[in-house]
Amino acid sequence: MDIAAIAAERGWRVDVHPLPPLLHNHPERIASAVEARVAELAPEYQRIAIAYADCGTYGALDEVCTRLGLVRLQGSHCYDVYAGADVVAHLSEEQPGTYFLTDFLVAGFDRLVWRELGLDRHPELRDDYFRHYTRVVWLAGHRTSDLTRAADRAAARLGLPLEVLPVPLEAGLAGALRTAIDALQPPGR
């Protein structure tokens, strides 16, 4: 369930204006893309929240949010939002070579990972790119048979064992969104 669906289900008046998902492959572009989108939307909205974790911007997104008075989803990356920072930290400490997938990455693995990394043209690079990974953990918010097959294929393409961790995606996103909405409420409300 995505943010728009969660907000609608709870009766929250939230408009979602997505940015290109491939920005996650170029995190150095996220902060400027968010800033540009906020500039476009600011005349239409009194309050704007950012549905990104840091996502590899190394604080650049926080700088934009601070400067513009915005709130964003908490976490270093989307995996923290989906499964909780403590769970992700535990999995990473338990096995430092953990490669995480979300439902979105499972569904779009061929396009978002395989082709973007050039592995469709140079499959010999797989072992260089993924040499230090030891497992794939799918943070499964919606475990369907199609996504399960896609996760199996993704792990097989990487040559890594797959572990599936069901996550309360709706609850996690709803909590993160509620926190952002509360932060946006005018004082005294």
C-alpha atoms as a PDB file:
ATOM      1  CA  MET A   1       0.000   0.000   0.000  1.00  0.00           C
ATOM      2  CA  ASP A   2       1.493   3.345  -0.938  1.00  0.00           C
ATOM      3  CA  ILE A   3       1.254   6.705   0.797  1.00  0.00           C
ATOM      4  CA  ALA A   4      -1.708   7.957  -1.246  1.00  0.00           C
ATOM      5  CA  ALA A   5      -3.717   4.828  -0.438  1.00  0.00           C
ATOM      6  CA  ILE A   6      -2.866   4.973   3.270  1.00  0.00           C
ATOM      7  CA  ALA A   7      -3.842   8.630   3.468  1.00  0.00           C
ATOM      8  CA  ALA A   8      -7.108   8.005   1.613  1.00  0.00           C
ATOM      9  CA  GLU A   9      -7.974   5.039   3.835  1.00  0.00           C
ATOM     10  CA  ARG A  10      -7.517   7.188   6.923  1.00  0.00           C
ATOM     11  CA  GLY A  11      -9.309  10.214   5.513  1.00  0.00           C
ATOM     12  CA  TRP A  12      -6.208  12.381   5.493  1.00  0.00           C
ATOM     13  CA  ARG A  13      -6.215  15.066   2.833  1.00  0.00           C
ATOM     14  CA  VAL A  14      -2.872  14.411   1.184  1.00  0.00           C
ATOM     15  CA  ASP A  15      -1.844  14.954  -2.406  1.00  0.00           C
ATOM     16  CA  VAL A  16       1.132  12.947  -3.613  1.00  0.00           C
ATOM     17  CA  HIS A  17       3.469  14.406  -6.213  1.00  0.00           C
ATOM     18  CA  PRO A  18       6.048  11.721  -7.001  1.00  0.00           C
ATOM     19  CA  LEU A  19       9.536  12.228  -8.267  1.00  0.00           C
ATOM     20  CA  PRO A  20      11.189   9.777 -10.678  1.00  0.00           C
ATOM     21  CA  PRO A  21      12.053   6.559  -8.817  1.00  0.00           C
ATOM     22  CA  LEU A  22      15.399   6.322 -10.612  1.00  0.00           C
ATOM     23  CA  LEU A  23      16.587   9.219  -8.460  1.00  0.00           C
ATOM     24  CA  HIS A  24      17.434   6.516  -5.927  1.00  0.00           C
ATOM     25  CA  ASN A  25      20.169   5.403  -8.316  1.00  0.00           C
ATOM     26  CA  HIS A  26      21.515   8.963  -8.252  1.00  0.00           C
ATOM     27  CA  PRO A  27      21.035  10.177  -4.676  1.00  0.00           C
ATOM     28  CA  GLU A  28      23.175  13.234  -5.329  1.00  0.00           C
ATOM     29  CA  ARG A  29      20.227  14.543  -7.411  1.00  0.00           C
ATOM     30  CA  ILE A  30      17.486  13.976  -4.820  1.00  0.00           C
ATOM     31  CA  ALA A  31      17.861  17.184  -2.799  1.00  0.00           C
ATOM     32  CA  SER A  32      17.828  19.459  -5.839  1.00  0.00           C
ATOM     33  CA  ALA A  33      14.883  17.561  -7.368  1.00  0.00           C
ATOM     34  CA  VAL A  34      12.932  17.891  -4.114  1.00  0.00           C
ATOM     35  CA  GLU A  35      13.762  21.585  -3.892  1.00  0.00           C
ATOM     36  CA  ALA A  36      12.624  22.165  -7.482  1.00  0.00           C
ATOM     37  CA  ARG A  37       9.353  20.263  -6.917  1.00  0.00           C
ATOM     38  CA  VAL A  38       8.680  22.181  -3.704  1.00  0.00           C
ATOM     39  CA  ALA A  39       9.204  25.463  -5.581  1.00  0.00           C
ATOM     40  CA  GLU A  40       6.606  24.312  -8.142  1.00  0.00           C
ATOM     41  CA  LEU A  41       4.103  23.254  -5.489  1.00  0.00           C
ATOM     42  CA  ALA A  42       4.571  26.008  -2.891  1.00  0.00           C
ATOM     43  CA  PRO A  43       2.069  28.420  -4.490  1.00  0.00           C
ATOM     44  CA  GLU A  44      -0.638  25.723  -4.306  1.00  0.00           C
ATOM     45  CA  TYR A  45      -0.072  24.348  -0.787  1.00  0.00           C
ATOM     46  CA  GLN A  46       0.217  25.742   2.734  1.00  0.00           C
ATOM     47  CA  ARG A  47       2.048  22.661   4.000  1.00  0.00           C
ATOM     48  CA  ILE A  48       4.387  20.291   2.205  1.00  0.00           C
ATOM     49  CA  ALA A  49       6.044  17.156   3.569  1.00  0.00           C
ATOM     50  CA  ILE A  50       8.714  15.065   1.889  1.00  0.00           C
ATOM     51  CA  ALA A  51       8.126  11.314   1.548  1.00  0.00           C
ATOM     52  CA  TYR A  52      11.810  10.461   1.359  1.00  0.00           C
ATOM     53  CA  ALA A  53      14.208   9.206   3.965  1.00  0.00           C
ATOM     54  CA  ASP A  54      17.784  10.494   3.561  1.00  0.00           C
ATOM     55  CA  CYS A  55      18.211   7.931   0.747  1.00  0.00           C
ATOM     56  CA  GLY A  56      21.941   8.459   0.328  1.00  0.00           C
ATOM     57  CA  THR A  57      21.925  12.263   0.174  1.00  0.00           C
ATOM     58  CA  TYR A  58      24.299  12.412   3.169  1.00  0.00           C
ATOM     59  CA  GLY A  59      22.343  15.246   4.756  1.00  0.00           C
ATOM     60  CA  ALA A  60      21.718  17.285   1.597  1.00  0.00           C
ATOM     61  CA  LEU A  61      17.983  16.539   1.781  1.00  0.00           C
ATOM     62  CA  ASP A  62      17.922  17.556   5.454  1.00  0.00           C
ATOM     63  CA  GLU A  63      19.626  20.830   4.543  1.00  0.00           C
ATOM     64  CA  VAL A  64      16.896  21.558   1.979  1.00  0.00           C
ATOM     65  CA  CYS A  65      14.174  20.578   4.453  1.00  0.00           C
ATOM     66  CA  THR A  66      15.654  22.760   7.199  1.00  0.00           C
ATOM     67  CA  ARG A  67      16.105  25.732   4.905  1.00  0.00           C
ATOM     68  CA  LEU A  68      12.557  25.455   3.524  1.00  0.00           C
ATOM     69  CA  GLY A  69      10.868  24.494   6.800  1.00  0.00           C
ATOM     70  CA  LEU A  70       9.847  21.028   5.590  1.00  0.00           C
ATOM     71  CA  VAL A  71       9.582  17.683   7.339  1.00  0.00           C
ATOM     72  CA  ARG A  72      10.555  14.374   5.775  1.00  0.00           C
ATOM     73  CA  LEU A  73      10.101  10.732   6.624  1.00  0.00           C
ATOM     74  CA  GLN A  74      12.584   9.655   9.262  1.00  0.00           C
ATOM     75  CA  GLY A  75      15.343   7.203   8.461  1.00  0.00           C
ATOM     76  CA  SER A  76      18.565   6.839   6.603  1.00  0.00           C
ATOM     77  CA  HIS A  77      16.842   5.083   3.700  1.00  0.00           C
ATOM     78  CA  CYS A  78      13.487   3.647   2.690  1.00  0.00           C
ATOM     79  CA  TYR A  79      14.352   0.334   4.334  1.00  0.00           C
ATOM     80  CA  ASP A  80      14.189   2.108   7.712  1.00  0.00           C
ATOM     81  CA  VAL A  81      10.739   3.418   6.837  1.00  0.00           C
ATOM     82  CA  TYR A  82       9.506  -0.001   5.724  1.00  0.00           C
ATOM     83  CA  ALA A  83      10.961  -2.271   8.406  1.00  0.00           C
ATOM     84  CA  GLY A  84      12.128   0.107  11.124  1.00  0.00           C
ATOM     85  CA  ALA A  85      15.656   1.373  11.649  1.00  0.00           C
ATOM     86  CA  ASP A  86      16.284  -1.095  14.489  1.00  0.00           C
ATOM     87  CA  VAL A  87      15.337  -4.098  12.341  1.00  0.00           C
ATOM     88  CA  VAL A  88      17.477  -2.935   9.419  1.00  0.00           C
ATOM     89  CA  ALA A  89      20.414  -2.211  11.730  1.00  0.00           C
ATOM     90  CA  HIS A  90      20.084  -5.648  13.326  1.00  0.00           C
ATOM     91  CA  LEU A  91      19.985  -7.404   9.932  1.00  0.00           C
ATOM     92  CA  SER A  92      22.981  -5.397   8.727  1.00  0.00           C
ATOM     93  CA  GLU A  93      24.989  -6.098  11.864  1.00  0.00           C
ATOM     94  CA  GLU A  94      24.010  -9.763  11.811  1.00  0.00           C
ATOM     95  CA  GLN A  95      25.217 -10.084   8.234  1.00  0.00           C
ATOM     96  CA  PRO A  96      26.992  -6.979   6.899  1.00  0.00           C
ATOM     97  CA  GLY A  97      26.674  -8.235   3.313  1.00  0.00           C
ATOM     98  CA  THR A  98      22.886  -7.865   3.239  1.00  0.00           C
ATOM     99  CA  TYR A  99      21.320  -6.504   0.065  1.00  0.00           C
ATOM    100  CA  PHE A 100      17.814  -5.217   0.744  1.00  0.00           C
ATOM    101  CA  LEU A 101      14.857  -5.222  -1.607  1.00  0.00           C
ATOM    102  CA  THR A 102      11.446  -3.629  -1.146  1.00  0.00           C
ATOM    103  CA  ASP A 103       8.304  -4.667  -3.004  1.00  0.00           C
ATOM    104  CA  PHE A 104       8.961  -1.844  -5.458  1.00  0.00           C
ATOM    105  CA  LEU A 105      12.524  -3.022  -6.116  1.00  0.00           C
ATOM    106  CA  VAL A 106      11.394  -6.622  -6.456  1.00  0.00           C
ATOM    107  CA  ALA A 107       8.737  -5.667  -9.003  1.00  0.00           C
ATOM    108  CA  GLY A 108      11.117  -3.435 -10.969  1.00  0.00           C
ATOM    109  CA  PHE A 109      14.373  -5.310 -10.409  1.00  0.00           C
ATOM    110  CA  ASP A 110      15.182  -5.831 -14.087  1.00  0.00           C
ATOM    111  CA  ARG A 111      14.751  -2.152 -14.908  1.00  0.00           C
ATOM    112  CA  LEU A 112      15.863  -0.484 -11.673  1.00  0.00           C
ATOM    113  CA  VAL A 113      18.828  -2.682 -10.796  1.00  0.00           C
ATOM    114  CA  TRP A 114      19.832  -4.997 -13.626  1.00  0.00           C
ATOM    115  CA  ARG A 115      19.592  -2.553 -16.544  1.00  0.00           C
ATOM    116  CA  GLU A 116      20.554   0.566 -14.562  1.00  0.00           C
ATOM    117  CA  LEU A 117      23.773  -1.118 -13.464  1.00  0.00           C
ATOM    118  CA  GLY A 118      24.427  -2.249 -17.040  1.00  0.00           C
ATOM    119  CA  LEU A 119      24.252  -5.914 -16.116  1.00  0.00           C
ATOM    120  CA  ASP A 120      21.978  -6.619 -19.071  1.00  0.00           C
ATOM    121  CA  ARG A 121      24.882  -5.592 -21.328  1.00  0.00           C
ATOM    122  CA  HIS A 122      27.761  -6.706 -19.122  1.00  0.00           C
ATOM    123  CA  PRO A 123      26.627  -9.612 -16.916  1.00  0.00           C
ATOM    124  CA  GLU A 124      30.251 -10.319 -16.066  1.00  0.00           C
ATOM    125  CA  LEU A 125      30.140  -7.247 -13.799  1.00  0.00           C
ATOM    126  CA  ARG A 126      27.663  -8.924 -11.443  1.00  0.00           C
ATOM    127  CA  ASP A 127      30.397 -10.553  -9.403  1.00  0.00           C
ATOM    128  CA  ASP A 128      32.303  -7.276  -9.154  1.00  0.00           C
ATOM    129  CA  TYR A 129      29.229  -5.307  -8.046  1.00  0.00           C
ATOM    130  CA  PHE A 130      27.892  -7.907  -5.632  1.00  0.00           C
ATOM    131  CA  ARG A 131      31.089  -9.638  -4.499  1.00  0.00           C
ATOM    132  CA  HIS A 132      30.723  -8.652  -0.859  1.00  0.00           C
ATOM    133  CA  TYR A 133      27.026  -9.343  -0.548  1.00  0.00           C
ATOM    134  CA  THR A 134      26.044 -12.568   1.158  1.00  0.00           C
ATOM    135  CA  ARG A 135      22.251 -12.524   1.041  1.00  0.00           C
ATOM    136  CA  VAL A 136      19.193 -10.724  -0.255  1.00  0.00           C
ATOM    137  CA  VAL A 137      16.534  -9.733   2.260  1.00  0.00           C
ATOM    138  CA  TRP A 138      13.185  -8.867   0.764  1.00  0.00           C
ATOM    139  CA  LEU A 139      11.258  -6.558   3.084  1.00  0.00           C
ATOM    140  CA  ALA A 140       7.925  -7.963   1.962  1.00  0.00           C
ATOM    141  CA  GLY A 141       5.068  -5.573   2.514  1.00  0.00           C
ATOM    142  CA  HIS A 142       2.760  -7.366   0.100  1.00  0.00           C
ATOM    143  CA  ARG A 143       3.774 -10.962  -0.383  1.00  0.00           C
ATOM    144  CA  THR A 144       1.980 -12.088  -3.521  1.00  0.00           C
ATOM    145  CA  SER A 145       2.834 -15.068  -5.688  1.00  0.00           C
ATOM    146  CA  ASP A 146       4.006 -12.726  -8.479  1.00  0.00           C
ATOM    147  CA  LEU A 147       6.278 -10.764  -6.155  1.00  0.00           C
ATOM    148  CA  THR A 148       7.571 -13.967  -4.574  1.00  0.00           C
ATOM    149  CA  ARG A 149       8.565 -15.306  -7.997  1.00  0.00           C
ATOM    150  CA  ALA A 150      10.151 -11.949  -8.869  1.00  0.00           C
ATOM    151  CA  ALA A 151      12.131 -11.915  -5.590  1.00  0.00           C
ATOM    152  CA  ASP A 152      13.338 -15.458  -6.245  1.00  0.00           C
ATOM    153  CA  ARG A 153      14.443 -14.420  -9.757  1.00  0.00           C
ATOM    154  CA  ALA A 154      16.202 -11.299  -8.472  1.00  0.00           C
ATOM    155  CA  ALA A 155      18.155 -13.241  -5.842  1.00  0.00           C
ATOM    156  CA  ALA A 156      19.041 -15.928  -8.387  1.00  0.00           C
ATOM    157  CA  ARG A 157      20.295 -13.299 -10.834  1.00  0.00           C
ATOM    158  CA  LEU A 158      22.521 -11.930  -8.089  1.00  0.00           C
ATOM    159  CA  GLY A 159      23.645 -15.421  -7.140  1.00  0.00           C
ATOM    160  CA  LEU A 160      22.597 -14.884  -3.530  1.00  0.00           C
ATOM    161  CA  PRO A 161      20.246 -16.688  -1.152  1.00  0.00           C
ATOM    162  CA  LEU A 162      16.915 -14.986  -0.525  1.00  0.00           C
ATOM    163  CA  GLU A 163      15.398 -14.366   2.876  1.00  0.00           C
ATOM    164  CA  VAL A 164      11.888 -12.975   3.116  1.00  0.00           C
ATOM    165  CA  LEU A 165      10.997 -10.724   6.015  1.00  0.00           C
ATOM    166  CA  PRO A 166       7.317  -9.807   6.176  1.00  0.00           C
ATOM    167  CA  VAL A 167       7.050  -6.177   7.266  1.00  0.00           C
ATOM    168  CA  PRO A 168       3.968  -4.294   8.408  1.00  0.00           C
ATOM    169  CA  LEU A 169       4.407  -1.878   5.528  1.00  0.00           C
ATOM    170  CA  GLU A 170       1.065  -0.196   5.954  1.00  0.00           C
ATOM    171  CA  ALA A 171       1.592   0.324   9.672  1.00  0.00           C
ATOM    172  CA  GLY A 172       5.143   1.581   9.168  1.00  0.00           C
ATOM    173  CA  LEU A 173       4.238   4.012   6.422  1.00  0.00           C
ATOM    174  CA  ALA A 174       1.095   5.116   8.242  1.00  0.00           C
ATOM    175  CA  GLY A 175       3.129   5.856  11.367  1.00  0.00           C
ATOM    176  CA  ALA A 176       5.757   7.761   9.413  1.00  0.00           C
ATOM    177  CA  LEU A 177       3.094   9.699   7.537  1.00  0.00           C
ATOM    178  CA  ARG A 178       1.172  10.459  10.752  1.00  0.00           C
ATOM    179  CA  THR A 179       4.389  11.816  12.305  1.00  0.00           C
ATOM    180  CA  ALA A 180       4.939  14.063   9.281  1.00  0.00           C
ATOM    181  CA  ILE A 181       1.310  15.250   9.298  1.00  0.00           C
ATOM    182  CA  ASP A 182       1.476  15.999  13.025  1.00  0.00           C
ATOM    183  CA  ALA A 183       4.672  17.986  12.485  1.00  0.00           C
ATOM    184  CA  LEU A 184       2.879  20.058   9.870  1.00  0.00           C
ATOM    185  CA  GLN A 185      -0.075  20.992  12.057  1.00  0.00           C
ATOM    186  CA  PRO A 186      -0.304  24.655  12.956  1.00  0.00           C
ATOM    187  CA  PRO A 187       0.604  25.498  16.576  1.00  0.00           C
ATOM    188  CA  GLY A 188      -2.274  25.253  19.045  1.00  0.00           C
ATOM    189  CA  ARG A 189      -4.117  22.563  17.120  1.00  0.00           C
END
